[in-house]
Amino acid sequence: MSNMTEVVRLRVNGDIYEVGVPTHYTLLETLRYVLALTGSKQGCDKGDCGACTVILDGAPTLACLTPVWEAEGSAVTTVEGLAGPEGPHPLQDEFDLNGAAQCGFCTPGILCSAAVLLDKTSNPTRLEIQEALAGNLCRCTGYAKIYDAVEAAAIRMEERKERGGQSVDPT
């Protein structure tokens, strides 16, 4: 590979970064090895597993296949950016409460894909959840608990909206 580098300006989790990266770097490599945001996992490096999924301008995106320069001028959200000032994203809480993560390797990518779904669909069906997560593979859970957690998070998010944005206690 080339030793050439280029300066890339990225907006990740609301923060602006201007970093020099090798010209061949993917968004995933930049997030993990330059910005030290290691939540997105490096799995297959071919777009098959979904462990690297991030949110790019509101869409689930495989960071291992995305050249970093394609993310310039875009909003990137990683699993680290899902939580807000009020605490973890409801998906993060529900994955914990529902036992939806075992080894956890796939979880960041699934959380990002599910967050996009819940941003667009407030009350998704089980089939809509399955379709939204079809690009994310999990070797441990059998998916039922993952789907349950997404459904529970959708309910919590709707309750939060009805309360005017106030946090809903998960217990």
Protein backbone atom coordinates (compact mmCIF):
# COMPACT_ATOMS: atom_id res chain seq x y z
CA MET A 1 0.00 0.00 0.00
CA SER A 2 0.97 3.58 -0.49
CA ASN A 3 2.65 5.66 2.20
CA MET A 4 0.68 8.69 1.07
CA THR A 5 -1.60 10.41 3.54
CA GLU A 6 -4.35 12.92 3.18
CA VAL A 7 -6.09 15.22 5.62
CA VAL A 8 -9.72 14.32 6.15
CA ARG A 9 -12.27 16.40 8.02
CA LEU A 10 -14.90 14.26 9.75
CA ARG A 11 -17.89 14.93 11.96
CA VAL A 12 -18.17 11.97 14.30
CA ASN A 13 -20.67 11.81 17.15
CA GLY A 14 -21.13 15.57 16.85
CA ASP A 15 -17.42 16.41 17.11
CA ILE A 16 -15.26 17.70 14.24
CA TYR A 17 -11.94 15.98 13.57
CA GLU A 18 -9.28 16.93 11.08
CA VAL A 19 -6.85 14.03 10.77
CA GLY A 20 -4.15 12.79 8.48
CA VAL A 21 -4.81 9.24 7.31
CA PRO A 22 -3.27 6.91 4.76
CA THR A 23 -5.07 7.35 1.45
CA HIS A 24 -6.23 3.72 1.44
CA TYR A 25 -7.90 3.85 4.88
CA THR A 26 -11.52 2.96 5.32
CA LEU A 27 -13.87 4.78 7.65
CA LEU A 28 -13.57 1.85 10.07
CA GLU A 29 -9.78 2.03 10.16
CA THR A 30 -9.93 5.77 10.75
CA LEU A 31 -12.47 5.43 13.56
CA ARG A 32 -10.59 2.63 15.31
CA TYR A 33 -6.92 3.39 14.68
CA VAL A 34 -6.83 7.17 14.34
CA LEU A 35 -9.73 8.39 16.49
CA ALA A 36 -9.57 5.49 19.02
CA LEU A 37 -13.33 4.88 18.73
CA THR A 38 -13.18 1.11 19.03
CA GLY A 39 -16.89 0.41 19.47
CA SER A 40 -17.32 -0.44 15.79
CA LYS A 41 -15.75 -3.85 15.34
CA GLN A 42 -13.45 -5.07 12.61
CA GLY A 43 -14.85 -8.44 11.63
CA CYS A 44 -14.85 -9.81 8.11
CA ASP A 45 -13.55 -6.70 6.26
CA LYS A 46 -15.82 -7.68 3.32
CA GLY A 47 -19.21 -6.34 4.34
CA ASP A 48 -20.66 -9.71 5.29
CA CYS A 49 -20.97 -9.53 9.09
CA GLY A 50 -22.17 -5.99 9.89
CA ALA A 51 -20.00 -5.67 13.01
CA CYS A 52 -18.58 -2.42 11.63
CA THR A 53 -21.96 -0.78 11.00
CA VAL A 54 -22.13 2.94 11.80
CA ILE A 55 -24.72 5.56 10.94
CA LEU A 56 -23.68 7.78 8.02
CA ASP A 57 -26.08 10.65 7.32
CA GLY A 58 -28.93 8.68 8.89
CA ALA A 59 -28.29 5.37 7.12
CA PRO A 60 -26.68 2.19 8.43
CA THR A 61 -23.33 1.95 6.67
CA LEU A 62 -20.61 -0.70 6.59
CA ALA A 63 -17.57 1.26 7.70
CA CYS A 64 -15.17 -1.48 6.53
CA LEU A 65 -16.24 -0.89 2.92
CA THR A 66 -16.47 2.90 3.04
CA PRO A 67 -13.36 4.82 1.99
CA VAL A 68 -12.80 7.45 4.67
CA TRP A 69 -12.90 10.32 2.18
CA GLU A 70 -16.51 9.35 1.34
CA ALA A 71 -17.48 10.35 4.90
CA GLU A 72 -16.13 13.90 4.53
CA GLY A 73 -18.92 16.40 5.05
CA SER A 74 -21.23 13.75 6.44
CA ALA A 75 -22.50 13.04 9.94
CA VAL A 76 -21.08 9.81 11.35
CA THR A 77 -22.55 8.24 14.47
CA THR A 78 -20.86 5.28 16.10
CA VAL A 79 -22.17 3.19 18.97
CA GLU A 80 -20.29 5.55 21.30
CA GLY A 81 -22.45 8.39 20.01
CA LEU A 82 -25.83 6.73 20.61
CA ALA A 83 -25.99 7.66 24.29
CA GLY A 84 -27.12 11.17 25.11
CA PRO A 85 -26.80 13.52 28.06
CA GLU A 86 -29.68 11.73 29.76
CA GLY A 87 -27.81 8.42 29.63
CA PRO A 88 -27.70 5.34 27.43
CA HIS A 89 -29.92 5.10 24.37
CA PRO A 90 -33.04 3.01 25.12
CA LEU A 91 -31.64 0.34 22.78
CA GLN A 92 -28.51 0.09 24.90
CA ASP A 93 -30.60 -0.29 28.07
CA GLU A 94 -32.92 -2.84 26.52
CA PHE A 95 -30.08 -4.95 25.15
CA ASP A 96 -28.82 -5.16 28.72
CA LEU A 97 -32.22 -5.80 30.30
CA ASN A 98 -33.22 -8.41 27.71
CA GLY A 99 -29.92 -10.29 27.67
CA ALA A 100 -29.60 -9.52 23.97
CA ALA A 101 -25.80 -9.48 23.97
CA GLN A 102 -23.63 -12.45 24.76
CA CYS A 103 -20.09 -12.06 23.45
CA GLY A 104 -20.99 -8.52 22.34
CA PHE A 105 -18.90 -8.43 19.18
CA CYS A 106 -21.89 -7.87 16.90
CA THR A 107 -23.77 -5.60 19.31
CA PRO A 108 -22.40 -2.17 18.22
CA GLY A 109 -23.35 -2.76 14.60
CA ILE A 110 -26.77 -4.10 15.54
CA LEU A 111 -27.40 -1.13 17.81
CA CYS A 112 -26.57 1.31 15.01
CA SER A 113 -28.80 -0.51 12.51
CA ALA A 114 -31.64 -0.68 15.05
CA ALA A 115 -31.25 3.01 15.95
CA VAL A 116 -31.79 3.96 12.31
CA LEU A 117 -34.90 1.78 12.18
CA LEU A 118 -36.34 3.36 15.34
CA ASP A 119 -35.58 6.86 14.05
CA LYS A 120 -37.70 6.11 10.98
CA THR A 121 -40.33 3.72 12.38
CA SER A 122 -41.69 4.31 15.87
CA ASN A 123 -43.53 1.00 16.16
CA PRO A 124 -41.77 -1.53 13.92
CA THR A 125 -43.17 -5.00 13.34
CA ARG A 126 -41.04 -8.05 14.04
CA LEU A 127 -40.59 -8.45 10.29
CA GLU A 128 -39.41 -4.82 9.93
CA ILE A 129 -36.89 -5.41 12.72
CA GLN A 130 -35.66 -8.61 11.09
CA GLU A 131 -35.26 -6.84 7.75
CA ALA A 132 -33.47 -3.85 9.30
CA LEU A 133 -30.99 -6.15 11.04
CA ALA A 134 -30.55 -8.59 8.15
CA GLY A 135 -27.06 -7.25 7.46
CA ASN A 136 -25.88 -7.87 11.02
CA LEU A 137 -24.79 -11.39 11.91
CA CYS A 138 -24.73 -12.78 15.45
CA ARG A 139 -23.22 -16.15 16.30
CA CYS A 140 -24.41 -16.28 19.91
CA THR A 141 -27.97 -15.20 20.63
CA GLY A 142 -30.27 -16.76 18.05
CA TYR A 143 -31.74 -13.26 17.44
CA ALA A 144 -34.98 -13.62 19.48
CA LYS A 145 -33.62 -11.60 22.42
CA ILE A 146 -32.21 -9.01 20.02
CA TYR A 147 -35.61 -8.55 18.37
CA ASP A 148 -37.28 -8.42 21.81
CA ALA A 149 -34.85 -5.69 22.91
CA VAL A 150 -35.56 -3.59 19.81
CA GLU A 151 -39.31 -3.93 20.37
CA ALA A 152 -38.92 -2.92 24.03
CA ALA A 153 -36.76 0.06 23.09
CA ALA A 154 -39.39 1.20 20.58
CA ILE A 155 -42.01 1.16 23.33
CA ARG A 156 -39.75 3.12 25.69
CA MET A 157 -39.00 5.69 23.01
CA GLU A 158 -42.71 6.18 22.31
CA GLU A 159 -43.40 6.57 26.04
CA ARG A 160 -40.60 9.12 26.24
CA LYS A 161 -42.13 11.11 23.35
CA GLU A 162 -45.53 11.04 25.06
CA ARG A 163 -43.94 12.41 28.23
CA GLY A 164 -42.35 15.25 26.33
CA GLY A 165 -38.86 13.78 26.09
CA GLN A 166 -38.46 12.83 29.74
CA SER A 167 -36.43 9.75 30.46
CA VAL A 168 -38.36 6.58 31.21
CA ASP A 169 -37.07 4.37 34.01
CA PRO A 170 -36.23 0.94 32.55
CA THR A 171 -37.29 -1.01 35.65
